[in-house]
Every structure is written in structure tokens, then in C-alpha cells.
Protein backbone atom coordinates (compact mmCIF):
# COMPACT_ATOMS: atom_id res chain seq x y z
CA MET A 1 11.98 91.30 -45.28
CA ILE A 2 11.89 89.33 -48.54
CA PRO A 3 9.14 86.71 -49.00
CA THR A 4 10.25 83.24 -50.04
CA GLN A 5 8.36 80.62 -52.05
CA GLY A 6 7.02 79.14 -48.83
CA ALA A 7 5.77 82.57 -47.76
CA ARG A 8 8.37 82.54 -44.97
CA PRO A 9 10.15 85.91 -44.77
CA VAL A 10 13.92 85.94 -45.16
CA ARG A 11 15.61 88.47 -42.92
CA ASP A 12 18.59 90.16 -44.55
CA VAL A 13 21.54 91.17 -42.37
CA ARG A 14 25.14 92.13 -43.02
CA ALA A 15 26.67 89.67 -40.51
CA VAL A 16 25.37 86.87 -38.33
CA VAL A 17 27.38 85.77 -35.31
CA VAL A 18 26.47 82.29 -34.03
CA GLY A 19 26.93 81.98 -30.28
CA ALA A 20 26.81 84.48 -27.41
CA GLY A 21 29.67 83.31 -25.24
CA ILE A 22 32.93 85.17 -24.78
CA SER A 23 33.70 84.97 -28.51
CA GLY A 24 30.28 86.07 -29.72
CA ILE A 25 30.03 88.95 -27.27
CA GLY A 26 33.52 90.14 -28.19
CA ALA A 27 32.70 89.91 -31.90
CA ALA A 28 29.50 91.91 -31.50
CA VAL A 29 31.28 94.68 -29.59
CA ARG A 30 34.15 94.97 -32.06
CA LEU A 31 31.88 94.86 -35.12
CA ARG A 32 29.67 97.59 -33.71
CA GLU A 33 32.66 99.73 -32.74
CA ALA A 34 34.01 99.36 -36.29
CA GLY A 35 30.76 100.72 -37.70
CA PHE A 36 29.10 97.46 -38.70
CA ASP A 37 25.71 97.97 -37.09
CA ASP A 38 23.74 95.53 -39.23
CA VAL A 39 24.74 92.55 -37.11
CA LEU A 40 22.78 89.86 -35.30
CA VAL A 41 24.00 87.43 -32.65
CA LEU A 42 22.00 84.20 -32.60
CA GLU A 43 22.16 82.14 -29.41
CA LYS A 44 20.28 78.87 -29.01
CA ALA A 45 20.19 79.10 -25.21
CA THR A 46 17.85 81.43 -23.36
CA GLN A 47 20.70 83.63 -22.12
CA LEU A 48 24.22 84.61 -23.08
CA GLY A 49 27.38 83.31 -21.44
CA GLY A 50 28.57 80.24 -23.37
CA THR A 51 30.75 77.94 -21.32
CA TRP A 52 30.39 80.19 -18.25
CA ARG A 53 26.61 79.86 -18.49
CA ASP A 54 26.72 76.08 -18.94
CA ASN A 55 29.36 75.13 -16.39
CA THR A 56 27.90 75.81 -12.96
CA TYR A 57 29.49 72.94 -11.06
CA PRO A 58 30.89 73.55 -7.55
CA GLY A 59 34.36 75.07 -7.67
CA CYS A 60 34.09 76.17 -11.30
CA ALA A 61 36.64 78.90 -11.96
CA CYS A 62 39.07 80.13 -14.57
CA ASP A 63 42.64 78.83 -14.66
CA VAL A 64 43.92 82.03 -16.30
CA PRO A 65 44.46 85.09 -14.06
CA SER A 66 41.47 87.41 -14.06
CA THR A 67 43.41 90.45 -15.25
CA LEU A 68 44.23 88.56 -18.45
CA TYR A 69 40.93 86.72 -18.79
CA SER A 70 38.96 89.83 -19.65
CA TYR A 71 38.50 91.99 -22.72
CA SER A 72 41.20 94.60 -23.20
CA PHE A 73 38.47 97.06 -24.21
CA THR A 74 36.53 96.41 -20.99
CA PRO A 75 38.88 95.69 -18.09
CA ASN A 76 37.09 94.68 -14.92
CA ALA A 77 37.99 96.90 -12.00
CA GLY A 78 36.44 94.64 -9.40
CA TRP A 79 37.66 91.05 -9.65
CA SER A 80 37.39 89.54 -6.19
CA ARG A 81 40.07 86.88 -6.71
CA VAL A 82 43.24 86.38 -8.69
CA PHE A 83 41.39 83.60 -10.56
CA ALA A 84 37.73 84.53 -10.96
CA GLY A 85 34.94 82.04 -10.37
CA GLN A 86 32.17 81.11 -12.79
CA ARG A 87 29.50 83.40 -11.34
CA GLU A 88 31.79 86.42 -11.40
CA ILE A 89 32.85 85.79 -15.01
CA LEU A 90 29.25 85.31 -16.12
CA ALA A 91 28.29 88.57 -14.39
CA TYR A 92 31.18 90.29 -16.19
CA LEU A 93 29.91 89.05 -19.55
CA ARG A 94 26.39 90.28 -18.79
CA GLU A 95 27.72 93.66 -17.71
CA THR A 96 29.78 93.92 -20.89
CA ALA A 97 26.73 93.13 -23.02
CA GLU A 98 24.71 95.78 -21.19
CA ARG A 99 27.46 98.36 -21.42
CA TYR A 100 27.62 98.01 -25.20
CA ARG A 101 23.85 97.65 -25.62
CA LEU A 102 24.13 94.25 -27.22
CA GLY A 103 20.51 93.49 -26.38
CA GLU A 104 19.65 95.27 -29.63
CA LEU A 105 21.69 92.67 -31.55
CA LEU A 106 21.12 89.54 -29.51
CA ARG A 107 18.47 86.92 -30.26
CA CYS A 108 18.42 84.27 -27.52
CA GLY A 109 16.46 81.07 -27.92
CA VAL A 110 17.22 80.97 -31.66
CA GLN A 111 19.05 77.88 -32.91
CA VAL A 112 20.87 77.84 -36.24
CA LEU A 113 19.87 74.56 -37.87
CA GLY A 114 22.03 74.83 -40.96
CA ALA A 115 23.55 77.18 -43.54
CA ARG A 116 24.34 77.10 -47.24
CA TRP A 117 26.47 79.39 -49.37
CA ASP A 118 24.56 80.96 -52.26
CA GLY A 119 27.25 81.72 -54.83
CA ALA A 120 24.95 83.67 -57.14
CA ALA A 121 23.87 86.04 -54.38
CA GLY A 122 27.22 86.00 -52.59
CA ARG A 123 25.51 85.39 -49.25
CA TRP A 124 24.92 82.75 -46.63
CA LEU A 125 21.40 81.35 -46.34
CA LEU A 126 20.68 80.28 -42.77
CA GLU A 127 17.83 78.15 -41.54
CA THR A 128 17.02 78.82 -37.89
CA SER A 129 14.38 77.83 -35.38
CA GLU A 130 12.63 81.17 -35.99
CA GLY A 131 12.92 81.14 -39.77
CA PRO A 132 15.48 81.92 -42.50
CA TYR A 133 18.15 84.57 -42.55
CA ARG A 134 20.43 85.77 -45.31
CA ALA A 135 23.85 87.15 -44.33
CA ALA A 136 26.83 88.48 -46.24
CA VAL A 137 29.18 87.31 -43.48
CA LEU A 138 28.89 84.36 -41.11
CA VAL A 139 30.93 84.26 -37.89
CA LEU A 140 30.99 81.01 -35.91
CA ALA A 141 31.58 81.74 -32.23
CA THR A 142 30.46 78.39 -30.85
CA GLY A 143 33.75 77.62 -29.11
CA PRO A 144 35.76 74.39 -28.73
CA TRP A 145 34.30 73.43 -25.31
CA HIS A 146 30.68 73.11 -26.29
CA VAL A 147 29.50 69.51 -26.79
CA PRO A 148 29.85 67.38 -23.61
CA ARG A 149 31.54 64.01 -23.93
CA ARG A 150 29.32 61.56 -22.09
CA LEU A 151 30.35 58.36 -20.32
CA GLU A 152 29.40 55.49 -22.61
CA VAL A 153 29.78 52.18 -20.79
CA PRO A 154 27.47 49.16 -20.45
CA GLY A 155 24.79 49.54 -17.80
CA ILE A 156 24.99 53.25 -17.20
CA GLU A 157 21.53 53.80 -18.68
CA ASP A 158 20.14 51.44 -16.01
CA PHE A 159 21.76 53.17 -13.03
CA ASP A 160 18.93 54.17 -10.71
CA GLY A 161 20.64 57.21 -9.20
CA PRO A 162 21.43 60.65 -10.63
CA VAL A 163 23.90 60.75 -13.54
CA PHE A 164 24.94 64.08 -15.01
CA HIS A 165 27.80 65.76 -16.84
CA SER A 166 29.79 68.50 -15.12
CA ALA A 167 28.59 70.97 -17.79
CA ARG A 168 24.97 70.00 -17.07
CA TRP A 169 25.16 70.05 -13.28
CA ASP A 170 21.94 68.99 -11.57
CA HIS A 171 21.58 71.43 -8.69
CA GLY A 172 18.50 69.55 -7.50
CA VAL A 173 20.72 66.67 -6.33
CA ASP A 174 21.91 67.02 -2.73
CA LEU A 175 25.31 65.36 -2.31
CA THR A 176 25.26 65.61 1.49
CA GLY A 177 26.06 62.24 3.07
CA ARG A 178 26.02 60.43 -0.27
CA ARG A 179 28.55 58.23 -2.04
CA VAL A 180 29.67 60.08 -5.16
CA THR A 181 31.64 58.76 -8.11
CA VAL A 182 33.48 61.29 -10.26
CA VAL A 183 34.72 60.02 -13.62
CA GLY A 184 37.60 61.91 -15.23
CA GLY A 185 40.80 63.58 -14.13
CA GLY A 186 40.87 66.82 -16.10
CA ALA A 187 40.26 70.47 -15.28
CA SER A 188 36.66 70.07 -14.08
CA ALA A 189 37.39 67.05 -11.84
CA VAL A 190 40.31 68.88 -10.24
CA GLN A 191 37.90 71.65 -9.24
CA ILE A 192 34.88 69.50 -8.37
CA VAL A 193 36.48 67.01 -5.98
CA PRO A 194 37.81 69.61 -3.48
CA ALA A 195 34.53 71.53 -3.66
CA ILE A 196 32.27 68.58 -2.76
CA GLU A 197 34.32 66.20 -0.63
CA SER A 198 33.56 67.81 2.75
CA ARG A 199 29.83 67.14 2.54
CA THR A 200 29.88 63.64 1.04
CA ALA A 201 30.05 60.24 2.70
CA ALA A 202 32.59 59.13 0.11
CA VAL A 203 34.11 60.31 -3.16
CA ASN A 204 35.53 57.81 -5.64
CA LEU A 205 37.53 59.40 -8.43
CA PHE A 206 38.14 57.25 -11.50
CA GLN A 207 41.14 58.77 -13.26
CA ARG A 208 42.33 56.98 -16.37
CA THR A 209 45.48 59.09 -16.73
CA ALA A 210 47.27 61.18 -14.12
CA GLN A 211 47.65 64.91 -14.84
CA TRP A 212 50.40 67.38 -14.05
CA VAL A 213 49.15 69.88 -11.47
CA LEU A 214 50.88 73.08 -10.42
CA PRO A 215 49.84 75.07 -7.32
CA LYS A 216 47.29 77.79 -7.96
CA PRO A 217 47.84 81.10 -6.16
CA ASP A 218 44.11 81.82 -5.98
CA LEU A 219 44.10 84.64 -3.46
CA PRO A 220 41.37 87.17 -2.71
CA VAL A 221 41.95 90.64 -4.15
CA PRO A 222 41.28 93.36 -1.55
CA ALA A 223 38.79 95.96 -2.73
CA VAL A 224 41.21 98.72 -1.75
CA LEU A 225 43.80 97.26 -4.12
CA ASN A 226 41.29 97.22 -6.97
CA ARG A 227 40.46 100.88 -6.30
CA LEU A 228 44.14 101.80 -6.15
CA VAL A 229 44.95 100.04 -9.42
CA ASP A 230 41.93 101.62 -11.07
CA HIS A 231 43.03 105.13 -10.12
CA VAL A 232 46.73 104.84 -10.97
CA PRO A 233 47.19 105.58 -14.68
CA GLY A 234 48.54 102.59 -16.54
CA ALA A 235 48.56 100.28 -13.50
CA ARG A 236 46.02 97.85 -14.87
CA SER A 237 47.83 97.66 -18.20
CA VAL A 238 51.08 96.91 -16.38
CA LEU A 239 49.41 94.13 -14.40
CA ARG A 240 47.92 92.68 -17.56
CA ALA A 241 51.29 92.81 -19.33
CA GLY A 242 52.94 91.09 -16.37
CA GLN A 243 50.43 88.26 -16.37
CA TYR A 244 50.79 87.93 -20.14
CA THR A 245 54.57 87.63 -19.81
CA LEU A 246 54.21 84.97 -17.11
CA GLN A 247 51.81 82.93 -19.24
CA GLU A 248 54.14 83.25 -22.21
CA GLY A 249 56.86 81.71 -20.05
CA PHE A 250 54.73 78.57 -19.79
CA GLY A 251 54.22 78.67 -23.55
CA TYR A 252 57.98 78.85 -24.14
CA ALA A 253 58.44 75.72 -22.04
CA PHE A 254 55.79 73.85 -24.01
CA ARG A 255 57.55 74.73 -27.26
CA HIS A 256 60.97 73.71 -25.90
CA PRO A 257 60.86 70.31 -24.16
CA GLN A 258 64.07 70.87 -22.20
CA ALA A 259 62.63 73.99 -20.60
CA ALA A 260 59.47 72.07 -19.71
CA ARG A 261 61.54 69.91 -17.37
CA LEU A 262 61.95 72.86 -15.01
CA LEU A 263 58.18 73.25 -14.71
CA GLU A 264 57.90 69.50 -14.30
CA ALA A 265 60.31 69.62 -11.37
CA GLY A 266 58.07 72.22 -9.73
CA ALA A 267 54.99 70.04 -10.28
CA ARG A 268 56.79 67.03 -8.75
CA ALA A 269 57.75 69.09 -5.70
CA HIS A 270 54.14 70.27 -5.33
CA LEU A 271 52.95 66.65 -5.44
CA ARG A 272 55.54 65.45 -2.95
CA LEU A 273 54.75 68.20 -0.45
CA ALA A 274 50.98 67.71 -0.70
CA VAL A 275 50.76 63.89 -0.78
CA ARG A 276 52.61 61.88 1.85
CA ASP A 277 51.29 58.47 0.80
CA GLY A 278 53.85 57.01 -1.60
CA GLN A 279 51.41 54.72 -3.40
CA LEU A 280 48.91 57.54 -3.97
CA ARG A 281 51.72 59.80 -5.11
CA GLY A 282 52.76 57.15 -7.62
CA HIS A 283 49.22 56.97 -9.01
CA LEU A 284 49.21 60.77 -9.36
CA THR A 285 52.54 60.98 -11.21
CA PRO A 286 51.98 61.25 -14.97
CA PRO A 287 54.04 59.02 -17.30
CA TYR A 288 54.47 61.79 -19.88
CA ARG A 289 56.09 65.21 -20.19
CA LEU A 290 54.44 68.24 -18.62
CA GLY A 291 52.59 70.26 -21.27
CA CYS A 292 51.66 67.25 -23.38
CA LYS A 293 48.14 67.57 -21.97
CA ARG A 294 46.46 70.70 -20.70
CA LEU A 295 48.33 71.92 -17.63
CA LEU A 296 46.16 71.98 -14.51
CA THR A 297 46.48 74.24 -11.49
CA SER A 298 45.11 73.62 -8.02
CA SER A 299 46.28 74.03 -4.43
CA THR A 300 43.41 71.94 -3.03
CA PHE A 301 43.12 68.87 -5.28
CA TYR A 302 45.92 66.81 -3.72
CA ARG A 303 44.76 67.76 -0.22
CA ALA A 304 41.24 66.53 -1.03
CA LEU A 305 42.56 63.21 -2.38
CA SER A 306 44.43 62.68 0.89
CA GLN A 307 41.19 62.69 2.92
CA PRO A 308 40.24 59.23 4.30
CA HIS A 309 36.84 59.15 2.60
CA VAL A 310 38.21 60.15 -0.83
CA HIS A 311 39.59 57.35 -2.99
CA LEU A 312 41.52 57.56 -6.26
CA HIS A 313 41.14 54.70 -8.72
CA PRO A 314 43.78 54.96 -11.46
CA THR A 315 41.68 53.19 -14.07
CA ALA A 316 38.96 53.77 -16.62
CA VAL A 317 35.33 52.90 -15.87
CA SER A 318 34.35 49.78 -17.77
CA ALA A 319 30.70 49.27 -16.72
CA VAL A 320 27.94 50.10 -14.29
CA ARG A 321 26.07 47.25 -12.61
CA GLY A 322 23.13 48.28 -10.43
CA ASN A 323 24.58 50.72 -7.91
CA LYS A 324 28.17 49.64 -8.56
CA VAL A 325 30.74 51.29 -10.78
CA MET A 326 33.24 48.83 -12.26
CA GLY A 327 36.81 49.78 -13.13
CA ALA A 328 38.80 48.29 -15.99
CA ASP A 329 41.26 46.94 -13.41
CA GLY A 330 38.53 45.05 -11.52
CA THR A 331 37.79 47.79 -8.99
CA THR A 332 34.19 47.87 -7.75
CA VAL A 333 32.64 50.71 -5.74
CA ARG A 334 29.10 51.33 -4.56
CA THR A 335 27.74 54.74 -5.43
CA ASP A 336 24.66 56.91 -5.16
CA VAL A 337 25.57 59.58 -7.71
CA ILE A 338 27.71 59.51 -10.87
CA ILE A 339 29.28 62.76 -12.08
CA GLU A 340 30.76 62.74 -15.57
CA ALA A 341 33.77 65.08 -15.58
CA THR A 342 34.64 63.65 -18.97
CA GLY A 343 35.27 66.83 -20.96
CA PHE A 344 34.05 67.82 -24.39
CA HIS A 345 34.19 66.84 -28.03
CA VAL A 346 36.84 69.47 -28.70
CA GLY A 347 37.06 70.62 -32.30
CA GLU A 348 33.68 69.26 -33.33
CA LEU A 349 31.78 72.40 -34.29
CA PRO A 350 28.05 72.02 -33.74
CA LEU A 351 27.25 73.27 -37.27
CA ALA A 352 29.97 71.37 -39.13
CA THR A 353 27.59 68.73 -40.46
CA THR A 354 24.92 71.18 -41.65
CA LEU A 355 27.03 74.04 -43.00
CA HIS A 356 27.45 73.71 -46.81
CA GLY A 357 30.15 75.66 -48.62
CA ALA A 358 30.69 76.83 -52.19
CA HIS A 359 31.06 73.29 -53.56
CA GLY A 360 28.13 71.77 -51.70
CA GLN A 361 30.32 69.98 -49.16
CA THR A 362 29.65 70.35 -45.48
CA LEU A 363 32.43 71.67 -43.28
CA HIS A 364 32.62 68.24 -41.70
CA GLU A 365 33.13 66.61 -45.10
CA ALA A 366 35.70 69.18 -46.19
CA TRP A 367 37.75 68.60 -43.06
CA GLY A 368 37.59 64.81 -43.23
CA GLY A 369 38.19 64.42 -39.51
CA ALA A 370 41.11 66.87 -39.37
CA PRO A 371 39.92 70.50 -38.97
CA GLN A 372 42.12 73.13 -40.53
CA ALA A 373 41.82 76.77 -41.44
CA TYR A 374 43.99 79.60 -42.65
CA LEU A 375 45.29 81.28 -39.50
CA GLY A 376 42.62 79.32 -37.66
CA THR A 377 40.08 81.77 -39.02
CA THR A 378 39.02 81.24 -42.66
CA VAL A 379 38.40 77.98 -44.53
CA SER A 380 38.93 77.30 -48.22
CA GLY A 381 35.65 76.47 -49.92
CA PHE A 382 33.64 78.50 -47.41
CA PRO A 383 33.61 82.15 -48.51
CA ASN A 384 32.87 84.94 -46.04
CA LEU A 385 33.01 82.46 -43.15
CA PHE A 386 35.07 83.28 -40.06
CA LEU A 387 35.82 80.87 -37.22
CA LEU A 388 36.60 82.24 -33.78
CA LEU A 389 39.02 80.16 -31.68
CA GLY A 390 39.35 77.86 -34.67
CA PRO A 391 41.87 75.08 -35.40
CA ASN A 392 45.49 75.39 -34.23
CA LEU A 393 45.10 78.67 -32.38
CA LEU A 394 45.18 77.74 -28.71
CA GLY A 395 47.55 75.98 -26.37
CA GLY A 396 48.18 75.30 -22.73
CA SER A 397 49.46 78.70 -21.68
CA THR A 398 47.67 81.76 -22.96
CA SER A 399 44.28 83.38 -22.46
CA ALA A 400 41.67 82.50 -25.06
CA ILE A 401 40.59 86.15 -24.97
CA THR A 402 44.02 87.29 -26.16
CA VAL A 403 43.70 84.97 -29.16
CA LEU A 404 40.09 86.02 -29.73
CA GLU A 405 40.88 89.72 -29.82
CA ALA A 406 43.68 89.12 -32.32
CA GLN A 407 41.21 87.28 -34.55
CA LEU A 408 38.66 90.06 -34.24
CA THR A 409 41.26 92.56 -35.43
CA TYR A 410 41.76 90.34 -38.48
CA LEU A 411 38.00 90.00 -39.02
CA ILE A 412 37.45 93.77 -38.96
CA ALA A 413 40.33 94.28 -41.40
CA ALA A 414 38.89 91.65 -43.74
CA LEU A 415 35.47 93.31 -43.77
CA ALA A 416 37.08 96.69 -44.35
CA HIS A 417 38.94 95.18 -47.32
CA LEU A 418 35.62 94.02 -48.77
CA ASP A 419 34.03 97.42 -48.34
CA GLN A 420 36.94 99.43 -49.65
CA GLY A 421 37.14 97.44 -52.87
CA GLY A 422 33.41 97.20 -53.43
CA ARG A 423 33.69 93.42 -53.16
CA ARG A 424 31.10 90.93 -51.97
CA VAL A 425 33.07 87.71 -51.59
CA LEU A 426 36.28 86.84 -49.77
CA HIS A 427 37.60 83.32 -50.28
CA VAL A 428 40.91 82.03 -48.90
CA ARG A 429 42.98 80.31 -51.56
CA PRO A 430 43.56 76.55 -51.10
CA ALA A 431 47.32 77.05 -51.59
CA ALA A 432 47.44 79.62 -48.79
CA GLN A 433 45.57 77.36 -46.38
CA ALA A 434 47.64 74.30 -47.29
CA ALA A 435 50.95 76.15 -46.91
CA HIS A 436 49.95 77.65 -43.57
CA ASN A 437 48.85 74.30 -42.15
CA SER A 438 51.97 72.58 -43.47
CA ALA A 439 54.06 75.15 -41.57
CA VAL A 440 51.97 74.67 -38.42
CA GLN A 441 52.31 70.89 -38.43
CA GLU A 442 56.03 71.09 -39.13
CA ALA A 443 56.55 73.46 -36.20
CA LEU A 444 54.39 71.35 -33.87
CA ALA A 445 56.61 68.33 -34.47
CA GLY A 446 59.22 69.64 -32.03
CA THR A 447 56.89 70.79 -29.25
CA VAL A 448 55.89 69.04 -26.04
CA TYR A 449 52.34 68.93 -27.42
CA ASN A 450 53.49 66.37 -30.00
CA THR A 451 56.52 64.73 -28.39
CA GLY A 452 55.42 64.50 -24.76
CA GLY A 453 54.25 60.90 -24.97
CA CYS A 454 50.53 61.22 -24.23
CA ASP A 455 47.13 61.08 -25.88
CA SER A 456 45.23 64.35 -25.59
CA TYR A 457 42.26 66.17 -27.05
CA TYR A 458 44.75 68.19 -29.06
CA PHE A 459 44.78 65.30 -31.54
CA THR A 460 42.15 63.98 -33.92
CA ALA A 461 41.48 60.31 -34.54
CA THR A 462 43.78 60.60 -37.55
CA GLY A 463 46.67 61.55 -35.29
CA GLN A 464 46.95 65.22 -36.28
CA ASN A 465 47.28 68.01 -33.76
CA THR A 466 44.53 70.42 -34.78
CA PHE A 467 44.35 72.36 -31.52
CA ALA A 468 47.69 73.90 -30.61
CA TRP A 469 49.48 76.96 -32.01
CA PRO A 470 53.19 76.06 -32.19
CA TRP A 471 54.67 79.55 -31.77
CA SER A 472 54.38 82.38 -29.27
CA THR A 473 51.14 84.25 -28.66
CA GLY A 474 52.96 87.44 -29.55
CA ARG A 475 53.69 86.04 -32.97
CA LEU A 476 50.03 85.14 -33.40
CA VAL A 477 48.90 88.64 -32.41
CA ARG A 478 51.38 90.23 -34.81
CA ARG A 479 50.36 87.91 -37.61
CA LEU A 480 46.65 88.61 -37.21
CA ARG A 481 47.20 92.35 -36.95
CA ARG A 482 47.57 92.53 -40.73
CA PHE A 483 45.00 91.26 -43.24
CA ASP A 484 46.88 89.64 -46.13
CA ALA A 485 44.63 90.15 -49.13
CA ASP A 486 46.97 88.22 -51.43
CA ALA A 487 45.99 84.98 -49.68
CA TYR A 488 42.40 85.48 -50.86
CA THR A 489 40.39 85.69 -54.03
CA SER A 490 37.29 87.81 -54.37
CA ASP A 491 34.76 88.79 -57.00
CA THR A 492 37.32 91.19 -58.47
CA PRO A 493 40.34 90.08 -60.57
CA ALA A 494 42.74 88.22 -58.30
CA ALA A 495 46.31 89.40 -57.85
CA PRO A 496 49.25 86.97 -57.82
CA LEU A 497 49.50 85.06 -54.57
CA HIS A 498 52.15 86.36 -52.16
CA LEU A 499 51.85 84.45 -48.92
CA PRO A 500 53.07 85.90 -45.60
CA ALA A 501 56.42 84.88 -44.22
CA GLN A 502 54.76 82.47 -41.79
CA THR A 503 54.11 79.85 -44.46
CA ARG A 504 56.53 77.41 -46.01
CA PRO A 505 56.42 75.96 -49.51
CA GLN A 506 54.93 72.52 -49.97
CA SER A 507 56.50 70.05 -52.31
CA GLY A 508 55.74 71.13 -55.86
CA ASP A 509 53.98 74.32 -54.77
CA ARG A 510 55.74 77.28 -56.35
CA THR A 511 53.31 79.82 -54.91
CA ALA A 512 54.25 79.43 -51.24
CA ALA A 513 56.81 81.75 -49.76
CA THR A 514 59.69 80.73 -47.55
CA ASN A 515 59.21 81.07 -43.82
CA THR A 516 61.87 83.44 -42.57
CA GLU A 517 60.23 84.42 -39.28
CA GLN A 518 61.64 82.79 -36.17
CA PRO A 519 59.41 81.48 -33.35
């Protein structure tokens, strides 16, 4: 405890992890296992859980198979379904935190208000709701699905009924016998509508753009099967590998547009079998290639939309007038409750505007509306900062936990590099970051993500895809398995820059190596 000028004590710690969702919990476990005990996890909410704490809407569940959507170091032997629901995943996260005694590291109810890099001290100075901290390493585990995107149309503030976002579900509102309007057609709407329609008087779904939906084999897992798998050596690993391979098949299709047509044919067949009404089927058929937007899975969504009291309006909401919701196409419906299934401000880190790097710029200013990072993990100008699930790391096929664990391997190796060399500061070179991102954008140009003919949250307002990883997950895991010290400078004499084979040279940049690795 070091007193400051304002007599406020500064708490010194080796590493601060911001956020206690899946990423923050995973980071705390891996750091502790690697011998880094001087770690704190700061969480602004009153309990851990991240997106699985916040999203409690009816029908909320994972769209990645449970065997893959779990930490490899803590497989769950008791998933009740092939695709676990929100409550079960949240319980799993709590059990993991208890198993690894993370309560000793976790500070809930503490909000990080801002941070500034102190070059002289080689540390991050954090201002929080409970006072200042000083950390050698700062890990942002706030996740891409954090800040809800609200419905902003004229008159909505004057609506006299309940209005809430799917990630802020108001469980005090009884939907029984009421007219409900759901705005949005993404992952949450696809789960919400089937879960609520049976108890409502009417459901009106305003869907601006149709989405591709594949059937979801969400079957219960018999307890006896879980016990059998748990007692057969290697069985759970085999199941996990099988699910991984299946998910990678989707990823291959997204990277190769011709292959995506086969998945698209399956989605069309699913739609045709589930929806007999030709006009409704037409409204539910997307005008873009499958994989261009996040792929959705559900075996109940189309069935719910075919119910007589459920109505699809293929238009955006333009205004709210009294108890009426107005569509951009002139549609008008009376409603008692408005549910905003409108997604999140993906890519907008909560701390980006208050986190100042080595040159005084905020992360938001440095990015200029187009987030980028070296391997989605470190950012030039922001020493000793690590982003979890950062720019251009995810996609529409793999488990976020697979990506996360690969990043944590890289993080541990980076910290070991600091310790072994007696260094304090690790700073990714601008040339390394620029070359990596040039290679990423070049590779994305031929994927369905970029050529599928849609607008998605993968893209920034500047038209750059800052979300998707353009190669296989296996390639990402292999790449993050090795910490490439040559891409960084530190407070010891820097060696010549030798970038990994993943990067390609930019025009006029003689330091970048040629990319010889194939996707």
C-alpha cells in the first residue's frame, strides 16, 4: 500500500484482469496455475458470469455444443443437454471459480473507470470505484457482447408499457395474455420467440433482415451416458475432438464460398420443411450467402412463426406512437410490451475511451473506428496490455473458449518471457501489428464474411471487417502456441524484427516476412 498525494492508497499488483466472465475466469485460472499469484480480477457487477449472468431471457442457451463450450482444463461431466442453457452455464462458471478458489482473487462490485500507462514506472495506473491500483500487466476480459444496442426510434421513450433489452430482461413483467413486440431477428430473437409465444396473446416480430437458420439437435443427455463417458478413459476428449472437427467444417465453408452453398441448401430444406406458407417462407429467405452473418441454429423458431397468433413483419421499426409500433413499410401493430432483441455494440470495448497508452492516446483514438491488434491480443502503443477475444479472432463456427485458451497460452508465454529476461515492458512493434492486420484483411477478402452480400456486425462503420479470423481455428491455436519475441520491443536492447510466417510484407516495408503458411 503506497500513499498518494491525495492520501488515497495505491494497491500494487502484478496483473489486473478486468471482467469476470468466461474470459476473466479462464485468465485467472491459467495465471494462477502458471505461478502468477499476485493477480486481481475486477468485476463491476455484483457477481461473476459475464454474458451468462446478464442474459437471462427465456430460451437463452449456447449455440455451440456443450462439450466444446467448456474449459479444456475443467470439462463438465454433467451437461444435461447437447446445447447447455444459460442457468447451467452460469452454474458451471461458478463451480469453476470455486474449484480454483478464485474468490481470493475476485473483487466484485468494483468498476474500472480508466487507466493510464506510466512509462517511467513501467506500470498501468488504474482508477477504480474503490480507489487506485497499479499493475505491471493489464488484461481486458470484457468481451465483445457487453454493451446492449438499444432501439432508438421516435416515441419509444413515451411508450407507457414495459420496454427492455434481451440482455436486461425484466422478470417482473408477466407476458401471459399480453401482446408482445420483439424487435430484431438475431440469435436472441430466435430463442426468445419460441420460448414465449405459447403464453402470449400475440407476438409481433419485426425482422429487418432474414437470417439463415439450421436445425439445432438440442437433445437431452442421459445421466447414464455422462457417467459412462466420464469413466471411459479418453472418451470425453474424443467427443470434444469430434465436435471441434464438426465446427471446423462450418468454418471451412465460410472461408470457401462454394462450399457454403452446400450448407445453404440444407438451410433452405430446413425452411421449406418447417414453413408451409410460401409468403412467410419468402420473408424468411435471406438475400445473401450463408455465413455472411452469424449462422443461427434452431429447431423451434420456424414452428413458432407458423402459429396463428405470431406475426413476422419483414421491416425495421421506424417509430412508436402511443401503444402502437410502426414499421418502416407502414405496418402498425398494437402492443403491450416491447422487447429489444437488438444485439450489442460489438467491438466497442467499455474502457476504450478511458484507457490511455504510452503516447497519451486513448485506445479509442488509436483505433480510429477500426479496432486492430497483433494476433488479436496486443496493441501497439499500449505496453503490457492484453486483449482477450480481441479484434479478428472469432467467426461463425468455433467456440470462443477454444480461441480464449489459445490466447491464454500466449499470455502466459509472454509473461514468462518478461520474467526470464528480467524485463518490465513488452510492446508490440507497429510494423508487426501492421503486417499481421494487412495479412488478415487480405485473407478475409475471399471469405463469405466479406463477399456474402450482407451488412453485419463483423464490419465497422469504415467498412473494415474487424471481427472475423480468416483461417482455420487450428491455425490460430498453432500460431498462439508460440510467443514470438521478435515482434516486440522491451526495456532491453531490441533484436532485429523477424515476423512469423503468418504476416505478409506491406508496400515499402522491408521488415515483414513473406507468408508461406497455407490456410
